[in-house]
C-alpha atoms as a PDB file:
ATOM      1  CA  MET A   1       0.146  -0.052   0.154  1.00  0.00           C
ATOM      2  CA  ILE A   2       1.045   3.319  -0.846  1.00  0.00           C
ATOM      3  CA  SER A   3       1.395   6.040   2.072  1.00  0.00           C
ATOM      4  CA  VAL A   4       0.764   9.837   1.991  1.00  0.00           C
ATOM      5  CA  ALA A   5       4.371  10.025   2.919  1.00  0.00           C
ATOM      6  CA  GLN A   6       5.766   7.726   0.475  1.00  0.00           C
ATOM      7  CA  ALA A   7       3.944   9.117  -2.343  1.00  0.00           C
ATOM      8  CA  LYS A   8       4.942  13.144  -1.605  1.00  0.00           C
ATOM      9  CA  VAL A   9       8.708  11.090  -1.576  1.00  0.00           C
ATOM     10  CA  GLU A  10       8.121   9.994  -4.884  1.00  0.00           C
ATOM     11  CA  ILE A  11       6.118  12.756  -6.535  1.00  0.00           C
ATOM     12  CA  GLY A  12       8.521  15.282  -5.078  1.00  0.00           C
ATOM     13  CA  MET A  13      11.689  14.167  -7.442  1.00  0.00           C
ATOM     14  CA  LYS A  14       9.353  14.157 -10.310  1.00  0.00           C
ATOM     15  CA  LEU A  15       6.521  17.143 -10.305  1.00  0.00           C
ATOM     16  CA  PRO A  16       7.246  20.958 -10.606  1.00  0.00           C
ATOM     17  CA  GLY A  17       5.680  22.781  -7.439  1.00  0.00           C
ATOM     18  CA  PHE A  18       1.754  23.363  -8.886  1.00  0.00           C
ATOM     19  CA  TRP A  19       1.334  19.715  -9.668  1.00  0.00           C
ATOM     20  CA  LYS A  20       3.274  18.290  -6.144  1.00  0.00           C
ATOM     21  CA  ILE A  21       0.401  20.043  -4.492  1.00  0.00           C
ATOM     22  CA  ILE A  22      -2.496  18.645  -6.485  1.00  0.00           C
ATOM     23  CA  ALA A  23      -0.944  15.520  -6.581  1.00  0.00           C
ATOM     24  CA  SER A  24      -0.367  15.294  -2.841  1.00  0.00           C
ATOM     25  CA  PHE A  25      -4.256  16.458  -2.223  1.00  0.00           C
ATOM     26  CA  VAL A  26      -4.863  13.492  -4.613  1.00  0.00           C
ATOM     27  CA  ILE A  27      -3.154  11.521  -2.699  1.00  0.00           C
ATOM     28  CA  CYS A  28      -4.493  12.577   0.612  1.00  0.00           C
ATOM     29  CA  GLY A  29      -7.893  12.377  -0.200  1.00  0.00           C
ATOM     30  CA  ALA A  30      -7.285   8.734  -1.697  1.00  0.00           C
ATOM     31  CA  MET A  31      -5.710   7.817   1.942  1.00  0.00           C
ATOM     32  CA  TYR A  32      -9.569   9.026   3.642  1.00  0.00           C
ATOM     33  CA  ALA A  33     -11.784   8.534   0.821  1.00  0.00           C
ATOM     34  CA  SER A  34     -15.388   5.823   0.843  1.00  0.00           C
ATOM     35  CA  GLN A  35     -15.286   2.778  -1.043  1.00  0.00           C
ATOM     36  CA  ILE A  36     -16.939   2.192  -4.071  1.00  0.00           C
ATOM     37  CA  PRO A  37     -18.956  -1.405  -5.281  1.00  0.00           C
ATOM     38  CA  PRO A  38     -17.097  -4.335  -6.662  1.00  0.00           C
ATOM     39  CA  ALA A  39     -15.567  -4.214  -9.974  1.00  0.00           C
ATOM     40  CA  ASN A  40     -15.696  -7.129 -11.724  1.00  0.00           C
ATOM     41  CA  ALA A  41     -11.671  -9.118 -11.900  1.00  0.00           C
ATOM     42  CA  GLN A  42     -10.556 -10.914 -14.571  1.00  0.00           C
ATOM     43  CA  ALA A  43      -7.293 -13.010 -13.884  1.00  0.00           C
ATOM     44  CA  VAL A  44      -5.548 -13.778 -17.264  1.00  0.00           C
ATOM     45  CA  ALA A  45      -2.912 -16.536 -17.766  1.00  0.00           C
ATOM     46  CA  LEU A  46       0.581 -15.757 -16.957  1.00  0.00           C
ATOM     47  CA  MET A  47       1.536 -18.279 -18.901  1.00  0.00           C
ATOM     48  CA  GLU A  48       1.230 -16.172 -22.030  1.00  0.00           C
ATOM     49  CA  ALA A  49       4.628 -14.953 -20.516  1.00  0.00           C
ATOM     50  CA  GLY A  50       5.643 -18.347 -19.679  1.00  0.00           C
ATOM     51  CA  VAL A  51       6.309 -17.578 -15.902  1.00  0.00           C
ATOM     52  CA  VAL A  52       3.284 -19.334 -14.014  1.00  0.00           C
ATOM     53  CA  GLY A  53       2.753 -23.483 -14.058  1.00  0.00           C
ATOM     54  CA  THR A  54      -0.026 -25.191 -13.732  1.00  0.00           C
ATOM     55  CA  SER A  55      -1.896 -25.502 -10.360  1.00  0.00           C
ATOM     56  CA  SER A  56      -5.075 -27.846  -8.621  1.00  0.00           C
ATOM     57  CA  ARG A  57      -6.620 -27.469  -5.364  1.00  0.00           C
ATOM     58  CA  LEU A  58      -4.989 -26.851  -1.911  1.00  0.00           C
ATOM     59  CA  PRO A  59      -7.128 -27.135   1.060  1.00  0.00           C
ATOM     60  CA  GLY A  60      -7.027 -25.205   3.652  1.00  0.00           C
ATOM     61  CA  ARG A  61      -9.035 -22.867   6.243  1.00  0.00           C
ATOM     62  CA  SER A  62      -6.879 -19.877   5.012  1.00  0.00           C
ATOM     63  CA  CYS A  63      -8.833 -20.162   1.585  1.00  0.00           C
ATOM     64  CA  GLY A  64     -11.818 -20.098   2.861  1.00  0.00           C
ATOM     65  CA  GLU A  65     -13.986 -17.954   5.597  1.00  0.00           C
ATOM     66  CA  SER A  66     -10.653 -16.258   7.099  1.00  0.00           C
ATOM     67  CA  LEU A  67      -9.507 -14.445   3.712  1.00  0.00           C
ATOM     68  CA  ALA A  68     -12.699 -11.887   4.356  1.00  0.00           C
ATOM     69  CA  SER A  69     -11.689  -9.735   1.650  1.00  0.00           C
ATOM     70  CA  LEU A  70     -13.292 -10.256  -1.694  1.00  0.00           C
ATOM     71  CA  PRO A  71     -10.119  -8.706  -3.566  1.00  0.00           C
ATOM     72  CA  VAL A  72      -7.689 -10.890  -1.377  1.00  0.00           C
ATOM     73  CA  LYS A  73      -9.560 -14.080  -1.813  1.00  0.00           C
ATOM     74  CA  GLN A  74      -9.286 -13.189  -5.334  1.00  0.00           C
ATOM     75  CA  ALA A  75      -5.638 -11.995  -5.683  1.00  0.00           C
ATOM     76  CA  LEU A  76      -4.607 -15.453  -3.811  1.00  0.00           C
ATOM     77  CA  ARG A  77      -7.366 -17.976  -5.663  1.00  0.00           C
ATOM     78  CA  LEU A  78      -4.372 -19.398  -7.649  1.00  0.00           C
ATOM     79  CA  VAL A  79      -2.013 -20.011  -4.601  1.00  0.00           C
ATOM     80  CA  CYS A  80      -5.039 -21.858  -2.726  1.00  0.00           C
ATOM     81  CA  GLN A  81      -5.620 -24.039  -6.025  1.00  0.00           C
ATOM     82  CA  ARG A  82      -2.365 -25.082  -6.288  1.00  0.00           C
ATOM     83  CA  ASN A  83      -1.367 -28.876  -5.416  1.00  0.00           C
ATOM     84  CA  TYR A  84       1.090 -28.976  -3.013  1.00  0.00           C
ATOM     85  CA  GLU A  85       2.755 -32.389  -1.836  1.00  0.00           C
ATOM     86  CA  THR A  86       3.999 -31.847   1.719  1.00  0.00           C
ATOM     87  CA  GLY A  87       7.110 -33.211   2.475  1.00  0.00           C
ATOM     88  CA  ASN A  88       8.793 -31.595  -0.633  1.00  0.00           C
ATOM     89  CA  ASN A  89      11.787 -30.000   1.008  1.00  0.00           C
ATOM     90  CA  ALA A  90      13.160 -33.419   2.117  1.00  0.00           C
ATOM     91  CA  SER A  91      16.880 -31.883   3.341  1.00  0.00           C
ATOM     92  CA  GLY A  92      15.036 -31.189   6.486  1.00  0.00           C
ATOM     93  CA  ARG A  93      15.743 -27.788   6.377  1.00  0.00           C
ATOM     94  CA  LYS A  94      13.087 -25.483   7.403  1.00  0.00           C
ATOM     95  CA  ALA A  95      12.233 -22.653   4.815  1.00  0.00           C
ATOM     96  CA  ILE A  96      12.260 -19.468   6.054  1.00  0.00           C
ATOM     97  CA  VAL A  97       9.955 -16.876   4.307  1.00  0.00           C
ATOM     98  CA  ILE A  98       9.748 -12.876   5.397  1.00  0.00           C
ATOM     99  CA  GLY A  99       7.099 -10.828   4.104  1.00  0.00           C
ATOM    100  CA  PHE A 100       6.918  -6.810   3.939  1.00  0.00           C
ATOM    101  CA  VAL A 101       3.988  -4.744   3.351  1.00  0.00           C
ATOM    102  CA  GLY A 102       4.644  -1.325   1.639  1.00  0.00           C
ATOM    103  CA  GLY A 103       3.533   1.666   2.590  1.00  0.00           C
ATOM    104  CA  PHE A 104       2.634   2.006   6.519  1.00  0.00           C
ATOM    105  CA  VAL A 105       0.743  -0.560   6.265  1.00  0.00           C
ATOM    106  CA  LYS A 106       0.864  -3.491   9.668  1.00  0.00           C
ATOM    107  CA  SER A 107       1.840  -6.498   9.303  1.00  0.00           C
ATOM    108  CA  ASN A 108      -1.387  -7.692  10.735  1.00  0.00           C
ATOM    109  CA  ASP A 109      -3.256  -6.024   7.610  1.00  0.00           C
ATOM    110  CA  VAL A 110      -5.513  -8.798   6.388  1.00  0.00           C
ATOM    111  CA  ARG A 111      -6.861  -6.017   3.855  1.00  0.00           C
ATOM    112  CA  HIS A 112      -3.168  -7.348   2.047  1.00  0.00           C
ATOM    113  CA  PRO A 113      -2.366 -10.258  -0.193  1.00  0.00           C
ATOM    114  CA  GLU A 114       1.222 -10.229   1.311  1.00  0.00           C
ATOM    115  CA  VAL A 115      -0.042 -10.700   5.078  1.00  0.00           C
ATOM    116  CA  ASN A 116      -2.693 -13.719   4.057  1.00  0.00           C
ATOM    117  CA  PHE A 117      -0.070 -15.077   1.434  1.00  0.00           C
ATOM    118  CA  ALA A 118       2.421 -15.641   4.394  1.00  0.00           C
ATOM    119  CA  ALA A 119      -0.686 -17.262   6.480  1.00  0.00           C
ATOM    120  CA  LEU A 120      -1.418 -19.766   3.830  1.00  0.00           C
ATOM    121  CA  LEU A 121       2.319 -20.883   3.277  1.00  0.00           C
ATOM    122  CA  ARG A 122       2.517 -21.340   7.380  1.00  0.00           C
ATOM    123  CA  GLU A 123      -1.143 -23.803   7.081  1.00  0.00           C
ATOM    124  CA  ARG A 124       0.322 -25.358   4.152  1.00  0.00           C
ATOM    125  CA  ASP A 125       3.574 -27.448   6.402  1.00  0.00           C
ATOM    126  CA  PRO A 126       4.367 -25.748   9.248  1.00  0.00           C
ATOM    127  CA  ALA A 127       7.164 -28.287   9.479  1.00  0.00           C
ATOM    128  CA  ILE A 128       8.582 -26.923   6.471  1.00  0.00           C
ATOM    129  CA  VAL A 129       7.866 -23.207   6.191  1.00  0.00           C
ATOM    130  CA  GLN A 130       8.016 -20.809   8.520  1.00  0.00           C
ATOM    131  CA  ALA A 131       6.611 -17.830   7.068  1.00  0.00           C
ATOM    132  CA  GLU A 132       6.295 -14.016   8.893  1.00  0.00           C
ATOM    133  CA  VAL A 133       5.320 -10.434   7.491  1.00  0.00           C
ATOM    134  CA  PHE A 134       6.473  -7.188   8.906  1.00  0.00           C
ATOM    135  CA  SER A 135       5.770  -3.946   8.042  1.00  0.00           C
ATOM    136  CA  ASN A 136       8.575  -2.412   6.010  1.00  0.00           C
ATOM    137  CA  HIS A 137       9.653  -0.358   8.771  1.00  0.00           C
ATOM    138  CA  ASP A 138      10.663  -2.926  10.994  1.00  0.00           C
ATOM    139  CA  GLY A 139      13.764  -4.476   8.816  1.00  0.00           C
ATOM    140  CA  LYS A 140      15.521  -4.353  12.184  1.00  0.00           C
ATOM    141  CA  LYS A 141      12.805  -6.554  13.721  1.00  0.00           C
ATOM    142  CA  ALA A 142      13.065  -8.854  10.737  1.00  0.00           C
ATOM    143  CA  ARG A 143      16.295  -9.256  10.797  1.00  0.00           C
ATOM    144  CA  GLN A 144      16.391 -10.221  14.424  1.00  0.00           C
ATOM    145  CA  ARG A 145      13.731 -12.474  14.355  1.00  0.00           C
ATOM    146  CA  LEU A 146      15.527 -14.256  11.076  1.00  0.00           C
ATOM    147  CA  LEU A 147      18.562 -14.683  12.560  1.00  0.00           C
ATOM    148  CA  GLN A 148      16.937 -15.872  16.001  1.00  0.00           C
ATOM    149  CA  LEU A 149      15.284 -18.411  13.962  1.00  0.00           C
ATOM    150  CA  LEU A 150      18.360 -19.539  12.364  1.00  0.00           C
ATOM    151  CA  ASP A 151      20.108 -20.184  16.021  1.00  0.00           C
ATOM    152  CA  ILE A 152      19.041 -23.352  16.144  1.00  0.00           C
ATOM    153  CA  ASP A 153      20.668 -23.905  19.604  1.00  0.00           C
ATOM    154  CA  GLY A 154      19.698 -21.009  20.707  1.00  0.00           C
ATOM    155  CA  ASP A 155      23.494 -19.611  22.214  1.00  0.00           C
ATOM    156  CA  GLY A 156      23.066 -16.419  20.394  1.00  0.00           C
ATOM    157  CA  THR A 157      25.596 -16.670  17.855  1.00  0.00           C
ATOM    158  CA  LEU A 158      25.484 -18.293  14.243  1.00  0.00           C
ATOM    159  CA  THR A 159      28.056 -20.953  13.627  1.00  0.00           C
ATOM    160  CA  SER A 160      28.787 -21.514  10.091  1.00  0.00           C
ATOM    161  CA  ALA A 161      26.800 -24.544   9.817  1.00  0.00           C
ATOM    162  CA  GLU A 162      24.007 -22.794  11.066  1.00  0.00           C
ATOM    163  CA  LYS A 163      24.562 -20.078   8.706  1.00  0.00           C
ATOM    164  CA  LYS A 164      25.010 -22.495   5.036  1.00  0.00           C
ATOM    165  CA  GLN A 165      21.750 -24.348   6.539  1.00  0.00           C
ATOM    166  CA  ALA A 166      19.367 -21.661   5.427  1.00  0.00           C
ATOM    167  CA  SER A 167      16.502 -21.682   3.341  1.00  0.00           C
ATOM    168  CA  ILE A 168      15.393 -18.174   3.242  1.00  0.00           C
ATOM    169  CA  ILE A 169      13.146 -16.263   0.612  1.00  0.00           C
ATOM    170  CA  ILE A 170      12.438 -12.673   1.043  1.00  0.00           C
ATOM    171  CA  TYR A 171       9.445 -10.802  -0.764  1.00  0.00           C
ATOM    172  CA  GLY A 172       7.663  -7.482  -0.739  1.00  0.00           C
ATOM    173  CA  HIS A 173       5.417  -4.987  -2.065  1.00  0.00           C
ATOM    174  CA  SER A 174       6.142  -0.982  -2.641  1.00  0.00           C
ATOM    175  CA  TRP A 175       8.300   0.064  -0.164  1.00  0.00           C
ATOM    176  CA  GLY A 176       8.411  -3.115   1.114  1.00  0.00           C
ATOM    177  CA  GLY A 177      10.062  -4.621  -2.226  1.00  0.00           C
ATOM    178  CA  SER A 178      13.280  -2.163  -1.390  1.00  0.00           C
ATOM    179  CA  GLN A 179      13.149  -3.278   2.052  1.00  0.00           C
ATOM    180  CA  THR A 180      13.302  -7.033   0.937  1.00  0.00           C
ATOM    181  CA  VAL A 181      16.502  -6.152  -1.161  1.00  0.00           C
ATOM    182  CA  THR A 182      17.915  -4.223   2.019  1.00  0.00           C
ATOM    183  CA  LEU A 183      17.349  -7.388   4.107  1.00  0.00           C
ATOM    184  CA  ALA A 184      19.055  -9.697   1.950  1.00  0.00           C
ATOM    185  CA  ARG A 185      22.380  -7.146   1.883  1.00  0.00           C
ATOM    186  CA  GLU A 186      22.379  -7.222   5.351  1.00  0.00           C
ATOM    187  CA  LEU A 187      22.271 -10.551   5.489  1.00  0.00           C
ATOM    188  CA  GLY A 188      24.863 -11.241   3.370  1.00  0.00           C
ATOM    189  CA  GLU A 189      26.953  -9.112   5.527  1.00  0.00           C
ATOM    190  CA  LEU A 190      26.731 -11.658   8.139  1.00  0.00           C
ATOM    191  CA  GLY A 191      27.593 -14.097   5.891  1.00  0.00           C
ATOM    192  CA  VAL A 192      24.261 -15.448   5.732  1.00  0.00           C
ATOM    193  CA  PRO A 193      23.139 -17.041   1.912  1.00  0.00           C
ATOM    194  CA  VAL A 194      19.580 -16.350   0.656  1.00  0.00           C
ATOM    195  CA  LEU A 195      17.685 -18.689  -1.651  1.00  0.00           C
ATOM    196  CA  LEU A 196      15.405 -16.131  -3.717  1.00  0.00           C
ATOM    197  CA  THR A 197      14.404 -12.297  -3.502  1.00  0.00           C
ATOM    198  CA  ILE A 198      10.848 -11.118  -4.767  1.00  0.00           C
ATOM    199  CA  GLN A 199      10.101  -7.293  -5.524  1.00  0.00           C
ATOM    200  CA  LEU A 200       6.679  -6.702  -6.396  1.00  0.00           C
ATOM    201  CA  ASP A 201       6.735  -3.261  -8.251  1.00  0.00           C
ATOM    202  CA  SER A 202       9.244  -2.092  -5.783  1.00  0.00           C
ATOM    203  CA  VAL A 203       9.702   1.414  -5.001  1.00  0.00           C
ATOM    204  CA  ARG A 204      13.199   2.451  -3.440  1.00  0.00           C
ATOM    205  CA  LYS A 205      12.975   4.035   0.153  1.00  0.00           C
ATOM    206  CA  PRO A 206      15.246   7.175   1.335  1.00  0.00           C
ATOM    207  CA  GLY A 207      18.820   5.800   1.972  1.00  0.00           C
ATOM    208  CA  GLN A 208      18.312   2.212   0.458  1.00  0.00           C
ATOM    209  CA  ASP A 209      19.141   0.815  -2.956  1.00  0.00           C
ATOM    210  CA  ASP A 210      16.371  -1.678  -4.417  1.00  0.00           C
ATOM    211  CA  SER A 211      18.247  -2.059  -7.798  1.00  0.00           C
ATOM    212  CA  THR A 212      21.302  -3.820  -6.812  1.00  0.00           C
ATOM    213  CA  ILE A 213      20.440  -7.554  -5.940  1.00  0.00           C
ATOM    214  CA  PRO A 214      23.771  -8.140  -3.361  1.00  0.00           C
ATOM    215  CA  ASP A 215      26.232 -11.794  -4.193  1.00  0.00           C
ATOM    216  CA  ASN A 216      24.615 -13.625  -1.055  1.00  0.00           C
ATOM    217  CA  VAL A 217      21.399 -14.136  -3.122  1.00  0.00           C
ATOM    218  CA  GLU A 218      21.282 -16.969  -5.808  1.00  0.00           C
ATOM    219  CA  ASN A 219      17.985 -15.870  -7.195  1.00  0.00           C
ATOM    220  CA  ALA A 220      16.085 -12.602  -7.395  1.00  0.00           C
ATOM    221  CA  ILE A 221      13.315 -11.705  -9.743  1.00  0.00           C
ATOM    222  CA  ASN A 222      11.136  -8.302 -10.310  1.00  0.00           C
ATOM    223  CA  PHE A 223       7.659  -7.632 -11.190  1.00  0.00           C
ATOM    224  CA  TYR A 224       6.491  -4.237 -11.893  1.00  0.00           C
ATOM    225  CA  GLN A 225       3.933  -1.831 -13.819  1.00  0.00           C
ATOM    226  CA  PRO A 226       4.694   1.180 -15.417  1.00  0.00           C
ATOM    227  CA  LYS A 227       1.389   3.450 -15.050  1.00  0.00           C
ATOM    228  CA  GLY A 228       0.014   5.734 -12.424  1.00  0.00           C
ATOM    229  CA  LEU A 229       1.229   8.319  -9.961  1.00  0.00           C
ATOM    230  CA  ILE A 230       3.330   5.621  -8.209  1.00  0.00           C
ATOM    231  CA  HIS A 231       5.275   2.833  -9.850  1.00  0.00           C
ATOM    232  CA  GLY A 232       8.030   0.216  -9.614  1.00  0.00           C
ATOM    233  CA  ARG A 233      11.296  -0.273 -10.571  1.00  0.00           C
ATOM    234  CA  SER A 234      11.861  -1.713 -14.184  1.00  0.00           C
ATOM    235  CA  ILE A 235      15.115  -3.101 -13.469  1.00  0.00           C
ATOM    236  CA  ILE A 236      17.379  -4.921 -11.134  1.00  0.00           C
ATOM    237  CA  HIS A 237      20.649  -6.103 -11.958  1.00  0.00           C
ATOM    238  CA  ALA A 238      23.126  -8.792 -10.042  1.00  0.00           C
ATOM    239  CA  ALA A 239      26.248  -6.982  -8.271  1.00  0.00           C
ATOM    240  CA  ASP A 240      27.816 -10.312  -9.016  1.00  0.00           C
ATOM    241  CA  PRO A 241      26.281 -12.061 -11.740  1.00  0.00           C
ATOM    242  CA  THR A 242      28.662 -15.198 -11.490  1.00  0.00           C
ATOM    243  CA  ARG A 243      26.809 -15.863  -8.274  1.00  0.00           C
ATOM    244  CA  THR A 244      23.080 -13.939  -8.932  1.00  0.00           C
ATOM    245  CA  ASN A 245      20.796 -15.577 -11.426  1.00  0.00           C
ATOM    246  CA  ILE A 246      18.325 -12.283 -12.138  1.00  0.00           C
ATOM    247  CA  LEU A 247      15.313 -14.619 -13.202  1.00  0.00           C
ATOM    248  CA  GLY A 248      13.982 -11.684 -15.093  1.00  0.00           C
ATOM    249  CA  ASN A 249      12.483  -7.899 -15.117  1.00  0.00           C
ATOM    250  CA  VAL A 250       8.745  -8.806 -15.535  1.00  0.00           C
ATOM    251  CA  ARG A 251       6.876  -5.807 -16.950  1.00  0.00           C
ATOM    252  CA  MET A 252       2.381  -6.294 -16.163  1.00  0.00           C
ATOM    253  CA  THR A 253      -0.055  -4.196 -17.986  1.00  0.00           C
ATOM    254  CA  TYR A 254      -3.788  -3.669 -16.691  1.00  0.00           C
ATOM    255  CA  ALA A 255      -6.420  -2.913 -18.665  1.00  0.00           C
ATOM    256  CA  ARG A 256      -9.467  -1.450 -17.233  1.00  0.00           C
ATOM    257  CA  GLY A 257     -11.159  -3.617 -14.300  1.00  0.00           C
ATOM    258  CA  GLN A 258      -9.030  -6.346 -14.662  1.00  0.00           C
ATOM    259  CA  VAL A 259      -8.169  -6.813 -11.166  1.00  0.00           C
ATOM    260  CA  ASN A 260      -9.963  -6.247  -8.394  1.00  0.00           C
ATOM    261  CA  CYS A 261      -8.633  -3.572  -5.749  1.00  0.00           C
ATOM    262  CA  ASP A 262     -11.537  -2.666  -3.559  1.00  0.00           C
ATOM    263  CA  ASN A 263      -9.662  -3.016  -0.657  1.00  0.00           C
ATOM    264  CA  TYR A 264      -8.216   0.181  -1.479  1.00  0.00           C
ATOM    265  CA  PRO A 265     -10.212   3.736  -1.395  1.00  0.00           C
ATOM    266  CA  TRP A 266     -11.509   5.014  -4.359  1.00  0.00           C
ATOM    267  CA  LEU A 267      -9.747   7.509  -5.102  1.00  0.00           C
ATOM    268  CA  ALA A 268      -6.272   5.873  -4.952  1.00  0.00           C
ATOM    269  CA  ARG A 269      -8.066   3.060  -7.663  1.00  0.00           C
ATOM    270  CA  VAL A 270      -8.700   6.348  -9.739  1.00  0.00           C
ATOM    271  CA  PHE A 271      -5.416   7.993  -9.683  1.00  0.00           C
ATOM    272  CA  ASN A 272      -2.918   5.009  -8.786  1.00  0.00           C
ATOM    273  CA  LYS A 273      -5.062   1.883  -9.210  1.00  0.00           C
ATOM    274  CA  PRO A 274      -2.211  -0.077 -11.381  1.00  0.00           C
ATOM    275  CA  HIS A 275       0.021  -0.129  -8.357  1.00  0.00           C
ATOM    276  CA  HIS A 276      -2.279  -1.586  -6.429  1.00  0.00           C
ATOM    277  CA  GLU A 277      -3.586  -3.869  -9.076  1.00  0.00           C
ATOM    278  CA  ILE A 278      -0.290  -5.744  -9.081  1.00  0.00           C
ATOM    279  CA  GLU A 279      -0.490  -6.331  -5.312  1.00  0.00           C
ATOM    280  CA  ASN A 280      -3.969  -7.708  -5.692  1.00  0.00           C
ATOM    281  CA  ASP A 281      -3.038  -9.574  -9.052  1.00  0.00           C
ATOM    282  CA  PRO A 282      -3.896 -13.467  -8.669  1.00  0.00           C
ATOM    283  CA  ARG A 283      -1.144 -13.806 -11.927  1.00  0.00           C
ATOM    284  CA  ILE A 284       1.814 -12.851  -9.638  1.00  0.00           C
ATOM    285  CA  TRP A 285       0.652 -14.501  -6.423  1.00  0.00           C
ATOM    286  CA  GLY A 286       0.270 -17.921  -8.411  1.00  0.00           C
ATOM    287  CA  GLN A 287       3.983 -16.990 -10.000  1.00  0.00           C
ATOM    288  CA  VAL A 288       5.095 -16.052  -6.297  1.00  0.00           C
ATOM    289  CA  VAL A 289       4.182 -19.669  -4.682  1.00  0.00           C
ATOM    290  CA  SER A 290       5.375 -21.479  -8.099  1.00  0.00           C
ATOM    291  CA  LEU A 291       8.942 -20.028  -7.257  1.00  0.00           C
ATOM    292  CA  ILE A 292       9.158 -20.724  -3.573  1.00  0.00           C
ATOM    293  CA  ASP A 293       7.636 -24.266  -4.265  1.00  0.00           C
ATOM    294  CA  SER A 294      10.743 -24.304  -7.025  1.00  0.00           C
ATOM    295  CA  GLU A 295      13.360 -23.192  -5.014  1.00  0.00           C
ATOM    296  CA  LEU A 296      12.573 -25.824  -2.181  1.00  0.00           C
ATOM    297  CA  LYS A 297      12.121 -28.788  -4.133  1.00  0.00           C
ATOM    298  CA  SER A 298      15.392 -27.488  -5.798  1.00  0.00           C
ATOM    299  CA  THR A 299      16.898 -27.235  -2.546  1.00  0.00           C
ATOM    300  CA  SER A 300      15.450 -30.823  -1.226  1.00  0.00           C
ATOM    301  CA  SER A 301      17.162 -32.300  -5.013  1.00  0.00           C
ATOM    302  CA  VAL A 302      20.724 -31.075  -3.659  1.00  0.00           C
ATOM    303  CA  ALA A 303      20.520 -31.927  -0.285  1.00  0.00           C
ATOM    304  CA  ARG A 304      19.287 -35.446  -1.229  1.00  0.00           C
ATOM    305  CA  ALA A 305      22.331 -35.663  -3.819  1.00  0.00           C
ATOM    306  CA  SER A 306      24.784 -34.563  -1.051  1.00  0.00           C
ATOM    307  CA  ARG A 307      23.805 -37.418   1.435  1.00  0.00           C
ATOM    308  CA  THR A 308      24.288 -40.209  -1.440  1.00  0.00           C
ATOM    309  CA  GLU A 309      27.907 -39.256  -2.286  1.00  0.00           C
END
């Protein structure tokens, strides 16, 4: 979600004085305006771009009544339909998935797919995935929690073995995308590897660099859209291409009424809808869960091969 402060930072760099005032007024109004009736949502198969796999049913109460918001239900419908086989991660290592919401959204705000997505991951197989969501302003808290999860013996110090056993995946939308890269970089400074970073319409926070993926990250992908007052970074690149694989900079486009964004005020949908559409896009979340499953399976295969050598 784009906050008033975030929007002002972004438009302040791009608009002359008069239009700064107008744009700020529009965004402030959007934050507090009332809702309008839901629009029809359509999901176009991302297979056309070659980035979404097949899906079947994923049972779970989080896919039912607990997804109270219709836009969130629609956003995560491909995740809920996806087939998941327990025990994918035969390495015995627990994957840690950290998510960041955008703007000034709270980490427990269930009106946002990022929050519900983590709940779905936890529910699928809690013995395999530890998934938690944080505000993008709680980067320090997220880092401390992640290091705590890695510290298996609880002695307060990470050994080289504890660092190497890490299977860490980080995702985030808007300012959360910027915090995703920042957390990965901080982990790199501690010698902790990151399996995958996922940025959704990433907007750089002041003092951060969300374009350069640090060399402790194995794989990274960037989804963005170019429209609206606020739009995400179009290109990410690896600090060291020999160590980090950029899976893609995937441009998304949206036709009118394509994605339901009724979890946002109507002015936000009028003036900055594409930035919210990408957050609510079921194609995006279908691809995110596909990428996570693929990474976990790959990790398991490597672990099994190492034990048989």
